[in-house]
C-alpha atoms as a PDB file:
ATOM      1  CA  MET A   1      89.863  84.816 133.045  1.00  0.00           C
ATOM      2  CA  ARG A   2      88.982  87.824 135.250  1.00  0.00           C
ATOM      3  CA  ASP A   3      92.264  89.459 134.742  1.00  0.00           C
ATOM      4  CA  LEU A   4      91.886  89.011 130.942  1.00  0.00           C
ATOM      5  CA  ALA A   5      88.305  90.488 130.992  1.00  0.00           C
ATOM      6  CA  ALA A   6      89.450  93.389 132.978  1.00  0.00           C
ATOM      7  CA  ALA A   7      92.418  94.124 130.732  1.00  0.00           C
ATOM      8  CA  GLN A   8      90.173  93.723 127.845  1.00  0.00           C
ATOM      9  CA  ARG A   9      87.973  96.513 129.056  1.00  0.00           C
ATOM     10  CA  VAL A  10      90.816  98.882 129.487  1.00  0.00           C
ATOM     11  CA  ARG A  11      92.160  98.295 126.027  1.00  0.00           C
ATOM     12  CA  ARG A  12      90.562  95.790 123.439  1.00  0.00           C
ATOM     13  CA  PHE A  13      93.118  93.192 122.288  1.00  0.00           C
ATOM     14  CA  ASP A  14      93.314  92.455 118.576  1.00  0.00           C
ATOM     15  CA  ALA A  15      94.116  88.911 119.401  1.00  0.00           C
ATOM     16  CA  VAL A  16      95.352  86.783 122.243  1.00  0.00           C
ATOM     17  CA  LEU A  17      98.554  84.598 122.099  1.00  0.00           C
ATOM     18  CA  ALA A  18      97.577  81.760 124.453  1.00  0.00           C
ATOM     19  CA  HIS A  19     100.707  79.878 125.744  1.00  0.00           C
ATOM     20  CA  ASN A  20      99.746  76.235 126.383  1.00  0.00           C
ATOM     21  CA  ALA A  21      96.422  74.703 126.993  1.00  0.00           C
ATOM     22  CA  GLU A  22      95.474  76.326 130.357  1.00  0.00           C
ATOM     23  CA  ALA A  23      95.838  79.798 128.660  1.00  0.00           C
ATOM     24  CA  ALA A  24      93.973  78.642 125.648  1.00  0.00           C
ATOM     25  CA  LEU A  25      91.113  77.224 127.620  1.00  0.00           C
ATOM     26  CA  LEU A  26      90.716  80.488 129.477  1.00  0.00           C
ATOM     27  CA  ALA A  27      91.062  82.747 126.283  1.00  0.00           C
ATOM     28  CA  LEU A  28      88.366  80.478 124.553  1.00  0.00           C
ATOM     29  CA  ALA A  29      86.036  81.239 127.515  1.00  0.00           C
ATOM     30  CA  ALA A  30      86.721  84.885 127.062  1.00  0.00           C
ATOM     31  CA  ARG A  31      86.158  84.798 123.532  1.00  0.00           C
ATOM     32  CA  TRP A  32      82.682  83.261 123.976  1.00  0.00           C
ATOM     33  CA  ARG A  33      81.941  86.233 125.949  1.00  0.00           C
ATOM     34  CA  GLY A  34      82.981  88.387 123.075  1.00  0.00           C
ATOM     35  CA  GLY A  35      86.594  88.381 123.611  1.00  0.00           C
ATOM     36  CA  PRO A  36      89.202  88.653 120.833  1.00  0.00           C
ATOM     37  CA  PRO A  37      90.617  85.814 118.521  1.00  0.00           C
ATOM     38  CA  VAL A  38      92.800  83.104 119.987  1.00  0.00           C
ATOM     39  CA  VAL A  39      96.026  81.948 118.655  1.00  0.00           C
ATOM     40  CA  TYR A  40      97.016  78.561 120.511  1.00  0.00           C
ATOM     41  CA  VAL A  41     100.848  78.505 121.118  1.00  0.00           C
ATOM     42  CA  ALA A  42     101.116  74.664 121.413  1.00  0.00           C
ATOM     43  CA  HIS A  43     104.139  74.105 123.688  1.00  0.00           C
ATOM     44  CA  THR A  44     103.460  70.059 123.773  1.00  0.00           C
ATOM     45  CA  LEU A  45     101.101  67.479 122.430  1.00  0.00           C
ATOM     46  CA  TRP A  46      99.183  66.503 125.374  1.00  0.00           C
ATOM     47  CA  GLY A  47      98.483  63.004 124.106  1.00  0.00           C
ATOM     48  CA  GLU A  48     102.569  62.553 124.367  1.00  0.00           C
ATOM     49  CA  GLU A  49     102.808  64.697 127.708  1.00  0.00           C
ATOM     50  CA  LEU A  50     100.353  62.793 129.874  1.00  0.00           C
ATOM     51  CA  ALA A  51     101.319  59.468 128.592  1.00  0.00           C
ATOM     52  CA  SER A  52     104.991  60.184 130.008  1.00  0.00           C
ATOM     53  CA  TRP A  53     103.253  61.188 133.556  1.00  0.00           C
ATOM     54  CA  PHE A  54     100.568  58.613 133.696  1.00  0.00           C
ATOM     55  CA  ARG A  55     101.521  55.060 132.393  1.00  0.00           C
ATOM     56  CA  VAL A  56      97.990  53.921 131.194  1.00  0.00           C
ATOM     57  CA  PRO A  57      96.394  53.935 127.922  1.00  0.00           C
ATOM     58  CA  ALA A  58      93.656  56.354 129.059  1.00  0.00           C
ATOM     59  CA  ALA A  59      96.197  59.152 129.531  1.00  0.00           C
ATOM     60  CA  ARG A  60      97.235  59.327 126.044  1.00  0.00           C
ATOM     61  CA  ARG A  61      93.590  59.025 124.844  1.00  0.00           C
ATOM     62  CA  VAL A  62      92.537  62.036 127.215  1.00  0.00           C
ATOM     63  CA  GLY A  63      95.530  64.201 126.139  1.00  0.00           C
ATOM     64  CA  ALA A  64      94.834  63.716 122.403  1.00  0.00           C
ATOM     65  CA  ALA A  65      91.247  64.554 122.918  1.00  0.00           C
ATOM     66  CA  LEU A  66      92.405  67.827 124.457  1.00  0.00           C
ATOM     67  CA  ASP A  67      94.677  68.426 121.637  1.00  0.00           C
ATOM     68  CA  ARG A  68      91.903  67.828 119.052  1.00  0.00           C
ATOM     69  CA  ALA A  69      89.290  69.903 120.971  1.00  0.00           C
ATOM     70  CA  LEU A  70      91.630  73.056 121.230  1.00  0.00           C
ATOM     71  CA  ALA A  71      92.771  72.717 117.494  1.00  0.00           C
ATOM     72  CA  ARG A  72      89.032  72.785 116.453  1.00  0.00           C
ATOM     73  CA  ARG A  73      87.946  75.703 118.659  1.00  0.00           C
ATOM     74  CA  VAL A  74      90.763  78.151 118.486  1.00  0.00           C
ATOM     75  CA  ASP A  75      91.220  80.461 115.669  1.00  0.00           C
ATOM     76  CA  ALA A  76      94.867  79.617 114.775  1.00  0.00           C
ATOM     77  CA  VAL A  77      97.530  77.143 115.933  1.00  0.00           C
ATOM     78  CA  LEU A  78     101.182  77.846 116.274  1.00  0.00           C
ATOM     79  CA  ALA A  79     103.133  74.575 116.616  1.00  0.00           C
ATOM     80  CA  LEU A  80     106.707  74.581 117.638  1.00  0.00           C
ATOM     81  CA  SER A  81     107.648  71.397 116.011  1.00  0.00           C
ATOM     82  CA  GLU A  82     107.047  69.426 112.895  1.00  0.00           C
ATOM     83  CA  ALA A  83     105.536  66.576 115.027  1.00  0.00           C
ATOM     84  CA  ALA A  84     103.091  69.013 116.634  1.00  0.00           C
ATOM     85  CA  ALA A  85     102.021  70.472 113.146  1.00  0.00           C
ATOM     86  CA  ARG A  86     101.385  66.901 111.742  1.00  0.00           C
ATOM     87  CA  ALA A  87      99.269  66.088 114.601  1.00  0.00           C
ATOM     88  CA  PHE A  88      97.088  69.210 114.492  1.00  0.00           C
ATOM     89  CA  ALA A  89      96.649  69.437 110.836  1.00  0.00           C
ATOM     90  CA  PRO A  90      93.706  67.206 110.350  1.00  0.00           C
ATOM     91  CA  HIS A  91      91.863  68.927 113.161  1.00  0.00           C
ATOM     92  CA  VAL A  92      92.406  72.569 112.894  1.00  0.00           C
ATOM     93  CA  ARG A  93      89.659  74.870 111.225  1.00  0.00           C
ATOM     94  CA  GLY A  94      91.812  77.973 111.233  1.00  0.00           C
ATOM     95  CA  PRO A  95      95.391  78.711 109.869  1.00  0.00           C
ATOM     96  CA  LEU A  96      98.236  76.303 111.254  1.00  0.00           C
ATOM     97  CA  ALA A  97     101.933  77.477 111.293  1.00  0.00           C
ATOM     98  CA  ARG A  98     105.115  75.612 112.337  1.00  0.00           C
ATOM     99  CA  ILE A  99     107.087  78.322 114.120  1.00  0.00           C
ATOM    100  CA  ALA A 100     110.036  77.311 116.106  1.00  0.00           C
ATOM    101  CA  PRO A 101     111.355  79.270 119.023  1.00  0.00           C
ATOM    102  CA  GLY A 102     113.873  82.270 118.132  1.00  0.00           C
ATOM    103  CA  HIS A 103     117.144  82.611 119.859  1.00  0.00           C
ATOM    104  CA  THR A 104     119.875  85.332 119.796  1.00  0.00           C
ATOM    105  CA  PRO A 105     123.451  83.954 119.944  1.00  0.00           C
ATOM    106  CA  GLU A 106     125.398  84.966 123.173  1.00  0.00           C
ATOM    107  CA  PRO A 107     129.163  85.666 123.800  1.00  0.00           C
ATOM    108  CA  ALA A 108     130.710  82.555 125.199  1.00  0.00           C
ATOM    109  CA  PRO A 109     131.602  82.315 128.746  1.00  0.00           C
ATOM    110  CA  ALA A 110     135.421  83.097 129.258  1.00  0.00           C
ATOM    111  CA  PRO A 111     137.423  79.875 128.934  1.00  0.00           C
ATOM    112  CA  GLU A 112     138.781  80.558 132.461  1.00  0.00           C
ATOM    113  CA  ALA A 113     135.347  80.847 133.845  1.00  0.00           C
ATOM    114  CA  VAL A 114     134.281  77.526 132.173  1.00  0.00           C
ATOM    115  CA  ALA A 115     137.433  75.734 133.639  1.00  0.00           C
ATOM    116  CA  ALA A 116     136.863  77.222 137.182  1.00  0.00           C
ATOM    117  CA  VAL A 117     133.095  76.064 137.193  1.00  0.00           C
ATOM    118  CA  CYS A 118     134.243  72.696 135.896  1.00  0.00           C
ATOM    119  CA  ALA A 119     136.891  72.384 138.591  1.00  0.00           C
ATOM    120  CA  ARG A 120     134.488  73.378 141.312  1.00  0.00           C
ATOM    121  CA  HIS A 121     132.422  70.314 140.424  1.00  0.00           C
ATOM    122  CA  GLY A 122     135.635  67.907 139.760  1.00  0.00           C
ATOM    123  CA  LEU A 123     134.979  67.869 136.176  1.00  0.00           C
ATOM    124  CA  ALA A 124     137.586  68.230 133.229  1.00  0.00           C
ATOM    125  CA  PRO A 125     136.531  70.722 130.543  1.00  0.00           C
ATOM    126  CA  ASP A 126     135.800  68.629 127.429  1.00  0.00           C
ATOM    127  CA  GLY A 127     135.808  65.391 129.509  1.00  0.00           C
ATOM    128  CA  PHE A 128     132.089  64.709 130.285  1.00  0.00           C
ATOM    129  CA  ALA A 129     128.694  64.336 128.676  1.00  0.00           C
ATOM    130  CA  LEU A 130     126.071  66.586 129.952  1.00  0.00           C
ATOM    131  CA  TYR A 131     122.112  66.749 130.264  1.00  0.00           C
ATOM    132  CA  ALA A 132     121.015  70.228 131.362  1.00  0.00           C
ATOM    133  CA  GLY A 133     117.531  70.871 132.561  1.00  0.00           C
ATOM    134  CA  ASN A 134     114.811  69.722 134.662  1.00  0.00           C
ATOM    135  CA  LEU A 135     114.337  66.179 136.148  1.00  0.00           C
ATOM    136  CA  ASP A 136     110.833  65.668 135.126  1.00  0.00           C
ATOM    137  CA  ARG A 137     109.798  62.168 133.790  1.00  0.00           C
ATOM    138  CA  TYR A 138     109.076  63.230 130.191  1.00  0.00           C
ATOM    139  CA  GLN A 139     112.844  64.014 129.902  1.00  0.00           C
ATOM    140  CA  ASP A 140     113.472  60.265 129.824  1.00  0.00           C
ATOM    141  CA  LEU A 141     116.553  60.473 132.272  1.00  0.00           C
ATOM    142  CA  PHE A 142     116.329  56.760 132.986  1.00  0.00           C
ATOM    143  CA  VAL A 143     117.647  56.032 129.552  1.00  0.00           C
ATOM    144  CA  LEU A 144     120.810  57.850 130.572  1.00  0.00           C
ATOM    145  CA  GLU A 145     120.939  56.044 133.753  1.00  0.00           C
ATOM    146  CA  ALA A 146     120.763  52.770 131.951  1.00  0.00           C
ATOM    147  CA  ALA A 147     123.466  53.744 129.348  1.00  0.00           C
ATOM    148  CA  ALA A 148     125.946  54.334 132.224  1.00  0.00           C
ATOM    149  CA  ALA A 149     126.043  50.731 132.728  1.00  0.00           C
ATOM    150  CA  HIS A 150     127.119  50.114 129.073  1.00  0.00           C
ATOM    151  CA  ASP A 151     130.473  51.931 129.199  1.00  0.00           C
ATOM    152  CA  PRO A 152     129.579  55.282 127.828  1.00  0.00           C
ATOM    153  CA  ALA A 153     133.444  56.236 128.058  1.00  0.00           C
ATOM    154  CA  LEU A 154     132.326  59.584 129.355  1.00  0.00           C
ATOM    155  CA  PRO A 155     131.037  60.535 132.825  1.00  0.00           C
ATOM    156  CA  LEU A 156     127.339  61.195 132.489  1.00  0.00           C
ATOM    157  CA  VAL A 157     126.434  64.646 134.155  1.00  0.00           C
ATOM    158  CA  VAL A 158     123.036  65.964 135.136  1.00  0.00           C
ATOM    159  CA  ALA A 159     123.034  69.723 135.687  1.00  0.00           C
ATOM    160  CA  THR A 160     119.559  71.078 137.056  1.00  0.00           C
ATOM    161  CA  HIS A 161     118.224  74.242 138.949  1.00  0.00           C
ATOM    162  CA  ALA A 162     116.294  71.634 141.346  1.00  0.00           C
ATOM    163  CA  VAL A 163     117.405  68.154 142.274  1.00  0.00           C
ATOM    164  CA  ARG A 164     114.030  67.086 143.516  1.00  0.00           C
ATOM    165  CA  GLY A 165     112.750  64.375 141.120  1.00  0.00           C
ATOM    166  CA  PRO A 166     113.666  60.620 140.331  1.00  0.00           C
ATOM    167  CA  ARG A 167     116.667  59.018 142.058  1.00  0.00           C
ATOM    168  CA  LEU A 168     119.160  58.666 139.441  1.00  0.00           C
ATOM    169  CA  ARG A 169     121.805  56.630 141.165  1.00  0.00           C
ATOM    170  CA  LYS A 170     124.528  56.088 138.193  1.00  0.00           C
ATOM    171  CA  LEU A 171     124.260  59.664 137.063  1.00  0.00           C
ATOM    172  CA  ARG A 172     126.450  62.642 138.730  1.00  0.00           C
ATOM    173  CA  VAL A 173     123.719  65.006 139.524  1.00  0.00           C
ATOM    174  CA  ILE A 174     124.693  68.811 140.059  1.00  0.00           C
ATOM    175  CA  GLU A 175     122.476  71.731 141.345  1.00  0.00           C
ATOM    176  CA  VAL A 176     123.384  75.019 139.603  1.00  0.00           C
ATOM    177  CA  SER A 177     122.547  78.142 141.433  1.00  0.00           C
ATOM    178  CA  SER A 178     122.816  80.445 138.319  1.00  0.00           C
ATOM    179  CA  LEU A 179     122.293  80.747 134.538  1.00  0.00           C
ATOM    180  CA  GLU A 180     125.925  81.561 134.236  1.00  0.00           C
ATOM    181  CA  GLU A 181     126.969  78.416 135.991  1.00  0.00           C
ATOM    182  CA  MET A 182     124.898  76.293 133.811  1.00  0.00           C
ATOM    183  CA  ARG A 183     126.029  78.126 130.926  1.00  0.00           C
ATOM    184  CA  SER A 184     129.675  77.157 131.739  1.00  0.00           C
ATOM    185  CA  LEU A 185     128.941  73.486 132.290  1.00  0.00           C
ATOM    186  CA  VAL A 186     127.173  73.564 128.737  1.00  0.00           C
ATOM    187  CA  HIS A 187     130.099  75.170 127.171  1.00  0.00           C
ATOM    188  CA  GLY A 188     132.566  72.886 129.001  1.00  0.00           C
ATOM    189  CA  THR A 189     130.839  69.519 128.227  1.00  0.00           C
ATOM    190  CA  ALA A 190     132.152  67.234 125.494  1.00  0.00           C
ATOM    191  CA  VAL A 191     128.801  66.134 124.359  1.00  0.00           C
ATOM    192  CA  ALA A 192     125.326  67.432 125.032  1.00  0.00           C
ATOM    193  CA  LEU A 193     122.563  65.022 125.881  1.00  0.00           C
ATOM    194  CA  LEU A 194     118.612  65.146 124.963  1.00  0.00           C
ATOM    195  CA  PRO A 195     117.120  61.890 125.856  1.00  0.00           C
ATOM    196  CA  ARG A 196     113.672  62.806 125.777  1.00  0.00           C
ATOM    197  CA  ARG A 197     111.257  60.924 123.282  1.00  0.00           C
ATOM    198  CA  SER A 198     107.929  62.749 123.921  1.00  0.00           C
ATOM    199  CA  ARG A 199     107.431  64.870 120.866  1.00  0.00           C
ATOM    200  CA  GLY A 200     105.298  67.942 120.097  1.00  0.00           C
ATOM    201  CA  GLY A 201     107.280  70.754 121.962  1.00  0.00           C
ATOM    202  CA  PHE A 202     110.675  72.273 121.256  1.00  0.00           C
ATOM    203  CA  PRO A 203     113.424  71.787 123.859  1.00  0.00           C
ATOM    204  CA  ILE A 204     114.659  75.381 124.627  1.00  0.00           C
ATOM    205  CA  LYS A 205     117.876  73.411 126.096  1.00  0.00           C
ATOM    206  CA  LEU A 206     118.550  72.378 122.317  1.00  0.00           C
ATOM    207  CA  LEU A 207     118.924  76.012 121.342  1.00  0.00           C
ATOM    208  CA  HIS A 208     121.518  76.473 124.304  1.00  0.00           C
ATOM    209  CA  PHE A 209     123.445  73.363 123.189  1.00  0.00           C
ATOM    210  CA  MET A 210     123.519  74.798 119.500  1.00  0.00           C
ATOM    211  CA  ASP A 211     124.624  78.129 120.794  1.00  0.00           C
ATOM    212  CA  ALA A 212     127.451  76.473 122.566  1.00  0.00           C
ATOM    213  CA  GLY A 213     128.621  74.680 119.630  1.00  0.00           C
ATOM    214  CA  ARG A 214     128.370  71.095 121.212  1.00  0.00           C
ATOM    215  CA  ALA A 215     127.977  67.855 119.772  1.00  0.00           C
ATOM    216  CA  ILE A 216     124.436  66.847 120.378  1.00  0.00           C
ATOM    217  CA  VAL A 217     123.226  63.296 121.076  1.00  0.00           C
ATOM    218  CA  ALA A 218     119.420  63.331 120.815  1.00  0.00           C
ATOM    219  CA  ARG A 219     116.242  61.414 119.297  1.00  0.00           C
ATOM    220  CA  ALA A 220     115.552  62.536 115.623  1.00  0.00           C
ATOM    221  CA  GLY A 221     111.872  63.096 116.576  1.00  0.00           C
ATOM    222  CA  VAL A 222     112.681  65.698 119.264  1.00  0.00           C
ATOM    223  CA  ALA A 223     115.724  67.418 117.486  1.00  0.00           C
ATOM    224  CA  ASP A 224     113.875  69.549 114.872  1.00  0.00           C
ATOM    225  CA  GLY A 225     116.229  71.406 112.486  1.00  0.00           C
ATOM    226  CA  LEU A 226     119.235  69.246 113.096  1.00  0.00           C
ATOM    227  CA  VAL A 227     120.675  66.856 110.540  1.00  0.00           C
ATOM    228  CA  ASP A 228     122.339  63.529 111.562  1.00  0.00           C
ATOM    229  CA  GLY A 229     126.138  63.460 110.791  1.00  0.00           C
ATOM    230  CA  GLU A 230     126.087  67.132 109.977  1.00  0.00           C
ATOM    231  CA  SER A 231     124.646  69.042 113.071  1.00  0.00           C
ATOM    232  CA  GLY A 232     124.253  66.273 115.553  1.00  0.00           C
ATOM    233  CA  TRP A 233     124.158  62.571 116.188  1.00  0.00           C
ATOM    234  CA  LEU A 234     120.666  61.559 115.904  1.00  0.00           C
ATOM    235  CA  LEU A 235     119.143  58.359 117.197  1.00  0.00           C
ATOM    236  CA  ALA A 236     116.011  56.507 116.308  1.00  0.00           C
ATOM    237  CA  ASP A 237     112.994  57.510 118.597  1.00  0.00           C
ATOM    238  CA  ALA A 238     113.096  53.850 119.847  1.00  0.00           C
ATOM    239  CA  ALA A 239     116.831  54.042 120.741  1.00  0.00           C
ATOM    240  CA  GLY A 240     117.717  52.613 124.079  1.00  0.00           C
ATOM    241  CA  PRO A 241     120.540  52.919 126.451  1.00  0.00           C
ATOM    242  CA  GLU A 242     123.019  50.789 124.292  1.00  0.00           C
ATOM    243  CA  GLU A 243     122.568  53.308 121.358  1.00  0.00           C
ATOM    244  CA  PHE A 244     123.188  56.337 123.523  1.00  0.00           C
ATOM    245  CA  ALA A 245     126.302  54.670 125.096  1.00  0.00           C
ATOM    246  CA  ALA A 246     127.482  53.755 121.644  1.00  0.00           C
ATOM    247  CA  ALA A 247     127.234  57.214 120.553  1.00  0.00           C
ATOM    248  CA  LEU A 248     129.107  58.580 123.461  1.00  0.00           C
ATOM    249  CA  ARG A 249     131.937  55.973 122.990  1.00  0.00           C
ATOM    250  CA  THR A 250     132.422  57.052 119.306  1.00  0.00           C
ATOM    251  CA  LEU A 251     132.428  60.683 120.209  1.00  0.00           C
ATOM    252  CA  ALA A 252     134.534  60.490 123.216  1.00  0.00           C
ATOM    253  CA  ARG A 253     137.532  59.090 120.976  1.00  0.00           C
ATOM    254  CA  ASP A 254     136.856  61.367 118.101  1.00  0.00           C
ATOM    255  CA  PRO A 255     137.450  65.039 119.001  1.00  0.00           C
ATOM    256  CA  ALA A 256     137.353  66.179 115.258  1.00  0.00           C
ATOM    257  CA  LEU A 257     133.950  64.636 114.878  1.00  0.00           C
ATOM    258  CA  ARG A 258     132.627  66.391 117.958  1.00  0.00           C
ATOM    259  CA  ALA A 259     134.089  69.812 116.735  1.00  0.00           C
ATOM    260  CA  ARG A 260     132.486  69.233 113.273  1.00  0.00           C
ATOM    261  CA  LEU A 261     129.087  68.380 114.797  1.00  0.00           C
ATOM    262  CA  GLY A 262     129.208  71.077 117.286  1.00  0.00           C
ATOM    263  CA  ALA A 263     130.011  73.555 114.300  1.00  0.00           C
ATOM    264  CA  GLY A 264     127.117  72.387 112.394  1.00  0.00           C
ATOM    265  CA  ALA A 265     124.769  72.563 115.459  1.00  0.00           C
ATOM    266  CA  ARG A 266     126.038  76.397 115.848  1.00  0.00           C
ATOM    267  CA  SER A 267     125.481  77.185 112.020  1.00  0.00           C
ATOM    268  CA  ALA A 268     121.864  75.532 112.217  1.00  0.00           C
ATOM    269  CA  LEU A 269     121.066  78.327 114.904  1.00  0.00           C
ATOM    270  CA  ALA A 270     120.844  80.841 112.259  1.00  0.00           C
ATOM    271  CA  ARG A 271     117.465  79.492 111.315  1.00  0.00           C
ATOM    272  CA  HIS A 272     116.240  80.572 114.791  1.00  0.00           C
ATOM    273  CA  ALA A 273     116.807  84.257 114.127  1.00  0.00           C
ATOM    274  CA  TRP A 274     114.165  86.427 115.827  1.00  0.00           C
ATOM    275  CA  PRO A 275     113.400  88.716 113.050  1.00  0.00           C
ATOM    276  CA  ALA A 276     112.028  85.835 110.937  1.00  0.00           C
ATOM    277  CA  ARG A 277     110.347  84.281 113.627  1.00  0.00           C
ATOM    278  CA  ALA A 278     108.486  87.498 114.799  1.00  0.00           C
ATOM    279  CA  ASN A 279     107.375  88.112 111.221  1.00  0.00           C
ATOM    280  CA  GLU A 280     106.014  84.626 110.810  1.00  0.00           C
ATOM    281  CA  THR A 281     104.157  84.844 114.070  1.00  0.00           C
ATOM    282  CA  LEU A 282     102.570  88.385 113.174  1.00  0.00           C
ATOM    283  CA  ALA A 283     101.508  86.903 109.957  1.00  0.00           C
ATOM    284  CA  LEU A 284      99.620  83.951 111.763  1.00  0.00           C
ATOM    285  CA  VAL A 285      98.147  86.561 114.067  1.00  0.00           C
ATOM    286  CA  ARG A 286      96.684  88.492 111.199  1.00  0.00           C
ATOM    287  CA  ALA A 287      95.399  85.496 109.682  1.00  0.00           C
ATOM    288  CA  ALA A 288      93.447  84.586 112.887  1.00  0.00           C
ATOM    289  CA  ILE A 289      92.036  87.940 113.047  1.00  0.00           C
ATOM    290  CA  ALA A 290      91.019  87.843 109.521  1.00  0.00           C
ATOM    291  CA  ARG A 291      89.298  84.477 110.037  1.00  0.00           C
ATOM    292  CA  SER A 292      87.459  85.952 113.156  1.00  0.00           C
ATOM    293  CA  LYS A 293      86.131  88.767 111.188  1.00  0.00           C
ATOM    294  CA  ALA A 294      84.807  86.528 108.424  1.00  0.00           C
ATOM    295  CA  ARG A 295      82.824  84.157 110.782  1.00  0.00           C
END
């Protein structure tokens, strides 16, 4: 907060885009001292997030109370997902907008680079299913661990920048050393996996899977913007290991279906173009400033 106040003295901000709860709490403290209006960029629903870390009923209640308190005190809320927008709607006192993250499509790695990275890890291009990301508890990787016992027909691979985390005995865990290596694995996979069930944020890995044109298996409540059977294979939020394994078995034997779902995912990426996301964000900031002036 000291740094924010010092910067504010040099040049007064029109508004603060506060990413996540910690930044929003600091910005609210500065606003109490005459600081600018606060737009809370809600990266998660804390009721969901804390419940995934601490398996006690109080965790969900404490997290949900934090969500409500922030929604009532900030000047505007930017929700990344439909689930978050619905959760905040009854509590906000300023404008609320659901604005998914933007993404600029990138050139695909050369097929030779993809093949080389896959070979380095003993994988065949288009011959494995991949989860790419951190190993934190809220990612629900134990669902994939259990799915491995249900004959998923494809090797289940986890690519991560840091292997510290839960012990996943039935999954192949690869520690990647660069973004290029990770992108090659994503472009080399047959199926991209998103097992998490905690809602509220928007998984950035989903944009990378879409960019690569991969067939995606995910829970419907997390895969905002994808349509089951058109741009992804979407499972119920309560789906378990058997459902994940069944989806993988079908996709493993149907390359045409994988290609169709991958092409649909790539097409859906157009809804994340940055110019529209930027304009929506600026409109929300202006609304927050107007509300602040009217108070």
